[in-house]
Amino acid sequence: RDGVILGTTQVGYIGPRFVDFCANKGIVVTQKTEYGVKYNFFTNCIDGGNMAVVSCGIIKSGSTSREGHAMAVEGYALLQARNSGRILHTLMIYDGWNDNVRYLNFDFDQWTELDGIAFSR
């Protein structure tokens, strides 16, 4: 699409392949992959000074097919609505499509899956 070849990688391969890549560069990295993660999976990782990847999927509006993406997690933010006080849990992500941080609504109730890969040195 638009000169870009899109592909897929199973979530279970992301962490181990990144560990292998780093090892080939002489860098020791460990990884932990979890399926159906909770928000604290990412907050604990980021608070520990480490990096993470979130992988999520949705059923696109007006469709029956699943679409998904894996994105680097830069941080997290709790956003509070002024009028209701409601707290929204977000992940600050780099999605590979834009040059700036984006906020992923972790509380979205229609994820088909929400998985995480945490890395540490």
N, C-alpha and C. Protein backbone atom coordinates (compact mmCIF):
# COMPACT_ATOMS: atom_id res chain seq x y z
N ARG A 1 0.85 -1.17 0.00
CA ARG A 1 0.00 0.00 0.00
C ARG A 1 0.89 1.24 0.00
N ASP A 2 0.73 2.14 -0.94
CA ASP A 2 1.53 3.36 -1.07
C ASP A 2 3.03 3.06 -1.07
N GLY A 3 3.42 1.95 -1.69
CA GLY A 3 4.82 1.60 -1.78
C GLY A 3 5.40 0.93 -0.54
N VAL A 4 4.54 0.66 0.45
CA VAL A 4 4.99 0.04 1.69
C VAL A 4 4.49 -1.40 1.73
N ILE A 5 5.39 -2.31 2.01
CA ILE A 5 5.00 -3.71 2.15
C ILE A 5 4.72 -3.98 3.62
N LEU A 6 3.48 -4.33 3.92
CA LEU A 6 3.08 -4.61 5.29
C LEU A 6 3.21 -6.10 5.56
N GLY A 7 3.58 -6.44 6.77
CA GLY A 7 3.72 -7.84 7.14
C GLY A 7 3.19 -8.05 8.54
N THR A 8 3.35 -9.25 9.02
CA THR A 8 2.90 -9.54 10.37
C THR A 8 4.00 -10.30 11.12
N THR A 9 3.99 -10.12 12.41
CA THR A 9 4.87 -10.86 13.31
C THR A 9 4.03 -11.29 14.49
N GLN A 10 4.07 -12.55 14.81
CA GLN A 10 3.34 -13.04 15.97
C GLN A 10 3.93 -12.42 17.24
N VAL A 11 3.08 -12.05 18.18
CA VAL A 11 3.52 -11.39 19.41
C VAL A 11 4.61 -12.20 20.12
N GLY A 12 4.45 -13.50 20.15
CA GLY A 12 5.41 -14.35 20.85
C GLY A 12 6.81 -14.34 20.26
N TYR A 13 6.96 -13.83 19.04
CA TYR A 13 8.28 -13.75 18.39
C TYR A 13 8.98 -12.41 18.62
N ILE A 14 8.24 -11.37 18.97
CA ILE A 14 8.82 -10.03 19.06
C ILE A 14 9.94 -9.98 20.09
N GLY A 15 9.66 -10.38 21.31
CA GLY A 15 10.67 -10.32 22.38
C GLY A 15 11.90 -11.16 22.09
N PRO A 16 11.73 -12.46 21.81
CA PRO A 16 12.91 -13.30 21.55
C PRO A 16 13.75 -12.82 20.36
N ARG A 17 13.12 -12.34 19.30
CA ARG A 17 13.90 -11.87 18.15
C ARG A 17 14.67 -10.59 18.49
N PHE A 18 14.08 -9.71 19.30
CA PHE A 18 14.79 -8.50 19.71
C PHE A 18 15.97 -8.86 20.61
N VAL A 19 15.78 -9.82 21.50
CA VAL A 19 16.88 -10.30 22.35
C VAL A 19 18.01 -10.84 21.48
N ASP A 20 17.68 -11.63 20.47
CA ASP A 20 18.68 -12.17 19.54
C ASP A 20 19.41 -11.04 18.80
N PHE A 21 18.65 -10.07 18.32
CA PHE A 21 19.23 -8.94 17.60
C PHE A 21 20.25 -8.21 18.48
N CYS A 22 19.86 -7.92 19.71
CA CYS A 22 20.76 -7.23 20.63
C CYS A 22 22.00 -8.08 20.94
N ALA A 23 21.80 -9.38 21.13
CA ALA A 23 22.93 -10.28 21.41
C ALA A 23 23.94 -10.24 20.27
N ASN A 24 23.46 -10.17 19.03
CA ASN A 24 24.35 -10.08 17.88
C ASN A 24 25.15 -8.77 17.87
N LYS A 25 24.66 -7.78 18.62
CA LYS A 25 25.35 -6.49 18.73
C LYS A 25 26.15 -6.41 20.02
N GLY A 26 26.21 -7.53 20.78
CA GLY A 26 26.97 -7.56 22.03
C GLY A 26 26.24 -6.95 23.21
N ILE A 27 24.93 -6.80 23.11
CA ILE A 27 24.12 -6.20 24.19
C ILE A 27 23.23 -7.28 24.79
N VAL A 28 23.29 -7.42 26.10
CA VAL A 28 22.47 -8.42 26.78
C VAL A 28 21.15 -7.77 27.22
N VAL A 29 20.07 -8.30 26.70
CA VAL A 29 18.72 -7.82 27.01
C VAL A 29 17.86 -9.04 27.32
N THR A 30 16.99 -8.89 28.31
CA THR A 30 16.02 -9.95 28.58
C THR A 30 14.63 -9.43 28.23
N GLN A 31 13.71 -10.35 28.07
CA GLN A 31 12.34 -9.96 27.71
C GLN A 31 11.33 -10.80 28.46
N LYS A 32 10.15 -10.25 28.59
CA LYS A 32 9.02 -10.97 29.19
C LYS A 32 7.80 -10.62 28.36
N THR A 33 7.15 -11.64 27.81
CA THR A 33 5.95 -11.44 27.01
C THR A 33 4.74 -11.90 27.82
N GLU A 34 3.72 -11.06 27.88
CA GLU A 34 2.46 -11.42 28.56
C GLU A 34 1.30 -11.12 27.64
N TYR A 35 0.33 -12.00 27.68
CA TYR A 35 -0.90 -11.84 26.90
C TYR A 35 -2.00 -11.36 27.82
N GLY A 36 -2.86 -10.47 27.32
CA GLY A 36 -3.95 -9.95 28.13
C GLY A 36 -3.43 -9.15 29.33
N VAL A 37 -2.48 -8.26 29.08
CA VAL A 37 -1.80 -7.54 30.17
C VAL A 37 -2.70 -6.54 30.86
N LYS A 38 -2.32 -6.23 32.08
CA LYS A 38 -2.93 -5.16 32.86
C LYS A 38 -2.07 -3.92 32.71
N TYR A 39 -2.61 -2.77 33.05
CA TYR A 39 -1.92 -1.49 32.91
C TYR A 39 -0.59 -1.48 33.66
N ASN A 40 -0.56 -2.08 34.85
CA ASN A 40 0.67 -2.03 35.65
C ASN A 40 1.83 -2.81 35.02
N PHE A 41 1.56 -3.67 34.06
CA PHE A 41 2.65 -4.33 33.32
C PHE A 41 3.54 -3.26 32.71
N PHE A 42 2.92 -2.24 32.13
CA PHE A 42 3.67 -1.18 31.45
C PHE A 42 4.21 -0.15 32.44
N THR A 43 3.42 0.23 33.43
CA THR A 43 3.90 1.24 34.38
C THR A 43 5.10 0.71 35.16
N ASN A 44 5.07 -0.55 35.57
CA ASN A 44 6.20 -1.14 36.28
C ASN A 44 7.45 -1.17 35.40
N CYS A 45 7.27 -1.51 34.15
CA CYS A 45 8.39 -1.57 33.20
C CYS A 45 9.00 -0.17 33.03
N ILE A 46 8.18 0.80 32.72
CA ILE A 46 8.66 2.17 32.48
C ILE A 46 9.26 2.75 33.75
N ASP A 47 8.61 2.56 34.90
CA ASP A 47 9.14 3.08 36.16
C ASP A 47 10.49 2.46 36.50
N GLY A 48 10.76 1.26 36.00
CA GLY A 48 12.04 0.60 36.20
C GLY A 48 13.11 1.07 35.22
N GLY A 49 12.77 2.05 34.37
CA GLY A 49 13.73 2.58 33.41
C GLY A 49 13.92 1.71 32.19
N ASN A 50 12.96 0.86 31.92
CA ASN A 50 13.06 -0.07 30.80
C ASN A 50 12.10 0.32 29.68
N MET A 51 12.14 -0.44 28.60
CA MET A 51 11.25 -0.17 27.48
C MET A 51 10.27 -1.31 27.29
N ALA A 52 9.19 -1.02 26.59
CA ALA A 52 8.17 -2.03 26.36
C ALA A 52 7.57 -1.85 24.97
N VAL A 53 6.85 -2.87 24.55
CA VAL A 53 6.08 -2.84 23.31
C VAL A 53 4.67 -3.29 23.66
N VAL A 54 3.69 -2.57 23.16
CA VAL A 54 2.30 -2.98 23.30
C VAL A 54 1.81 -3.45 21.94
N SER A 55 1.08 -4.54 21.95
CA SER A 55 0.48 -5.07 20.73
C SER A 55 -1.02 -5.18 20.99
N CYS A 56 -1.80 -4.57 20.11
CA CYS A 56 -3.25 -4.57 20.33
C CYS A 56 -3.98 -4.75 19.01
N GLY A 57 -5.21 -5.18 19.12
CA GLY A 57 -6.02 -5.39 17.94
C GLY A 57 -7.44 -4.92 18.17
N ILE A 58 -8.11 -4.57 17.08
CA ILE A 58 -9.51 -4.15 17.11
C ILE A 58 -10.21 -4.72 15.88
N ILE A 59 -11.51 -4.70 15.93
CA ILE A 59 -12.32 -4.95 14.74
C ILE A 59 -12.66 -3.57 14.19
N LYS A 60 -12.17 -3.29 13.01
CA LYS A 60 -12.36 -1.97 12.41
C LYS A 60 -13.85 -1.69 12.19
N SER A 61 -14.26 -0.48 12.48
CA SER A 61 -15.66 -0.07 12.35
C SER A 61 -16.17 -0.37 10.94
N GLY A 62 -17.36 -0.96 10.87
CA GLY A 62 -17.96 -1.29 9.60
C GLY A 62 -17.36 -2.51 8.94
N SER A 63 -16.60 -3.29 9.70
CA SER A 63 -15.90 -4.44 9.15
C SER A 63 -16.03 -5.62 10.11
N THR A 64 -15.64 -6.77 9.65
CA THR A 64 -15.57 -7.93 10.54
C THR A 64 -14.14 -8.44 10.67
N SER A 65 -13.20 -7.70 10.06
CA SER A 65 -11.81 -8.15 10.11
C SER A 65 -11.02 -7.43 11.20
N ARG A 66 -10.10 -8.18 11.78
CA ARG A 66 -9.25 -7.65 12.83
C ARG A 66 -8.10 -6.86 12.23
N GLU A 67 -7.78 -5.75 12.86
CA GLU A 67 -6.60 -4.97 12.50
C GLU A 67 -5.80 -4.77 13.77
N GLY A 68 -4.49 -4.75 13.66
CA GLY A 68 -3.67 -4.59 14.85
C GLY A 68 -2.33 -3.97 14.54
N HIS A 69 -1.62 -3.67 15.62
CA HIS A 69 -0.33 -3.01 15.48
C HIS A 69 0.46 -3.21 16.77
N ALA A 70 1.77 -3.27 16.66
CA ALA A 70 2.67 -3.30 17.82
C ALA A 70 3.42 -1.98 17.84
N MET A 71 3.54 -1.38 19.02
CA MET A 71 4.11 -0.05 19.14
C MET A 71 5.03 0.05 20.35
N ALA A 72 6.08 0.85 20.22
CA ALA A 72 6.99 1.09 21.34
C ALA A 72 6.29 1.97 22.37
N VAL A 73 6.44 1.61 23.64
CA VAL A 73 5.86 2.39 24.74
C VAL A 73 6.94 3.31 25.30
N GLU A 74 6.70 4.63 25.21
CA GLU A 74 7.63 5.63 25.72
C GLU A 74 7.36 5.98 27.17
N GLY A 75 6.13 5.85 27.58
CA GLY A 75 5.74 6.24 28.93
C GLY A 75 4.26 6.01 29.11
N TYR A 76 3.72 6.61 30.13
CA TYR A 76 2.28 6.50 30.38
C TYR A 76 1.79 7.79 31.00
N ALA A 77 0.49 8.00 30.94
CA ALA A 77 -0.12 9.20 31.52
C ALA A 77 -1.52 8.87 31.97
N LEU A 78 -1.88 9.39 33.13
CA LEU A 78 -3.26 9.32 33.62
C LEU A 78 -3.89 10.67 33.31
N LEU A 79 -4.96 10.65 32.54
CA LEU A 79 -5.64 11.88 32.16
C LEU A 79 -6.96 11.97 32.91
N GLN A 80 -7.21 13.12 33.53
CA GLN A 80 -8.42 13.28 34.32
C GLN A 80 -9.33 14.31 33.68
N ALA A 81 -10.60 13.93 33.48
CA ALA A 81 -11.59 14.84 32.92
C ALA A 81 -11.95 15.90 33.97
N ARG A 82 -11.94 17.15 33.58
CA ARG A 82 -12.25 18.23 34.52
C ARG A 82 -13.69 18.18 35.00
N ASN A 83 -14.61 17.86 34.10
CA ASN A 83 -16.02 17.90 34.46
C ASN A 83 -16.47 16.72 35.31
N SER A 84 -15.94 15.53 35.07
CA SER A 84 -16.41 14.34 35.79
C SER A 84 -15.38 13.78 36.77
N GLY A 85 -14.13 14.14 36.59
CA GLY A 85 -13.07 13.58 37.43
C GLY A 85 -12.64 12.18 37.00
N ARG A 86 -13.26 11.67 35.96
CA ARG A 86 -12.94 10.32 35.46
C ARG A 86 -11.48 10.26 35.02
N ILE A 87 -10.82 9.17 35.38
CA ILE A 87 -9.41 8.95 35.03
C ILE A 87 -9.34 8.03 33.80
N LEU A 88 -8.54 8.43 32.84
CA LEU A 88 -8.30 7.63 31.65
C LEU A 88 -6.84 7.17 31.69
N HIS A 89 -6.63 5.87 31.59
CA HIS A 89 -5.29 5.28 31.58
C HIS A 89 -4.78 5.24 30.14
N THR A 90 -3.65 5.88 29.88
CA THR A 90 -3.10 5.90 28.54
C THR A 90 -1.65 5.45 28.54
N LEU A 91 -1.22 4.95 27.41
CA LEU A 91 0.20 4.66 27.17
C LEU A 91 0.70 5.67 26.15
N MET A 92 1.86 6.23 26.40
CA MET A 92 2.50 7.14 25.45
C MET A 92 3.31 6.26 24.50
N ILE A 93 2.89 6.24 23.25
CA ILE A 93 3.48 5.29 22.31
C ILE A 93 4.08 5.99 21.09
N TYR A 94 5.01 5.28 20.48
CA TYR A 94 5.52 5.65 19.16
C TYR A 94 4.97 4.59 18.22
N ASP A 95 4.10 4.99 17.31
CA ASP A 95 3.40 4.01 16.48
C ASP A 95 4.06 3.71 15.14
N GLY A 96 5.14 4.42 14.80
CA GLY A 96 5.82 4.18 13.54
C GLY A 96 5.18 4.87 12.36
N TRP A 97 4.04 5.51 12.58
CA TRP A 97 3.36 6.21 11.49
C TRP A 97 3.50 7.72 11.62
N ASN A 98 3.83 8.19 12.81
CA ASN A 98 3.92 9.62 13.09
C ASN A 98 5.25 9.91 13.76
N ASP A 99 5.65 11.18 13.76
CA ASP A 99 6.92 11.56 14.36
C ASP A 99 6.79 12.02 15.81
N ASN A 100 5.60 12.02 16.33
CA ASN A 100 5.39 12.51 17.69
C ASN A 100 4.70 11.44 18.54
N VAL A 101 4.73 11.67 19.84
CA VAL A 101 4.10 10.74 20.76
C VAL A 101 2.59 10.73 20.53
N ARG A 102 2.00 9.57 20.70
CA ARG A 102 0.54 9.40 20.63
C ARG A 102 0.10 8.81 21.95
N TYR A 103 -1.14 9.00 22.29
CA TYR A 103 -1.69 8.47 23.53
C TYR A 103 -2.67 7.35 23.20
N LEU A 104 -2.36 6.15 23.65
CA LEU A 104 -3.20 4.99 23.40
C LEU A 104 -4.14 4.80 24.59
N ASN A 105 -5.43 4.78 24.33
CA ASN A 105 -6.44 4.61 25.38
C ASN A 105 -6.44 3.15 25.85
N PHE A 106 -5.77 2.91 26.98
CA PHE A 106 -5.69 1.55 27.51
C PHE A 106 -7.05 1.06 27.99
N ASP A 107 -7.92 1.99 28.36
CA ASP A 107 -9.25 1.65 28.91
C ASP A 107 -10.28 1.32 27.83
N PHE A 108 -9.93 1.44 26.57
CA PHE A 108 -10.83 1.11 25.46
C PHE A 108 -11.37 -0.30 25.69
N ASP A 109 -12.67 -0.47 25.64
CA ASP A 109 -13.27 -1.76 26.01
C ASP A 109 -13.50 -2.71 24.84
N GLN A 110 -12.99 -2.36 23.67
CA GLN A 110 -13.23 -3.24 22.53
C GLN A 110 -11.94 -3.77 21.90
N TRP A 111 -10.86 -3.83 22.68
CA TRP A 111 -9.65 -4.47 22.17
C TRP A 111 -9.94 -5.95 21.93
N THR A 112 -9.50 -6.49 20.82
CA THR A 112 -9.62 -7.94 20.62
C THR A 112 -8.52 -8.66 21.40
N GLU A 113 -7.40 -7.99 21.56
CA GLU A 113 -6.33 -8.46 22.43
C GLU A 113 -5.46 -7.27 22.80
N LEU A 114 -4.79 -7.39 23.93
CA LEU A 114 -3.90 -6.35 24.43
C LEU A 114 -2.75 -7.07 25.12
N ASP A 115 -1.61 -7.12 24.44
CA ASP A 115 -0.47 -7.90 24.90
C ASP A 115 0.73 -6.98 25.10
N GLY A 116 1.69 -7.44 25.89
CA GLY A 116 2.86 -6.62 26.16
C GLY A 116 4.15 -7.40 26.15
N ILE A 117 5.20 -6.72 25.77
CA ILE A 117 6.55 -7.26 25.83
C ILE A 117 7.38 -6.25 26.59
N ALA A 118 7.99 -6.67 27.69
CA ALA A 118 8.85 -5.79 28.48
C ALA A 118 10.30 -6.23 28.30
N PHE A 119 11.18 -5.26 28.15
CA PHE A 119 12.60 -5.52 27.98
C PHE A 119 13.37 -4.91 29.13
N SER A 120 14.45 -5.54 29.51
CA SER A 120 15.32 -4.97 30.54
C SER A 120 16.75 -5.38 30.28
N ARG A 121 17.65 -4.59 30.82
CA ARG A 121 19.10 -4.86 30.68
C ARG A 121 19.66 -5.24 32.02
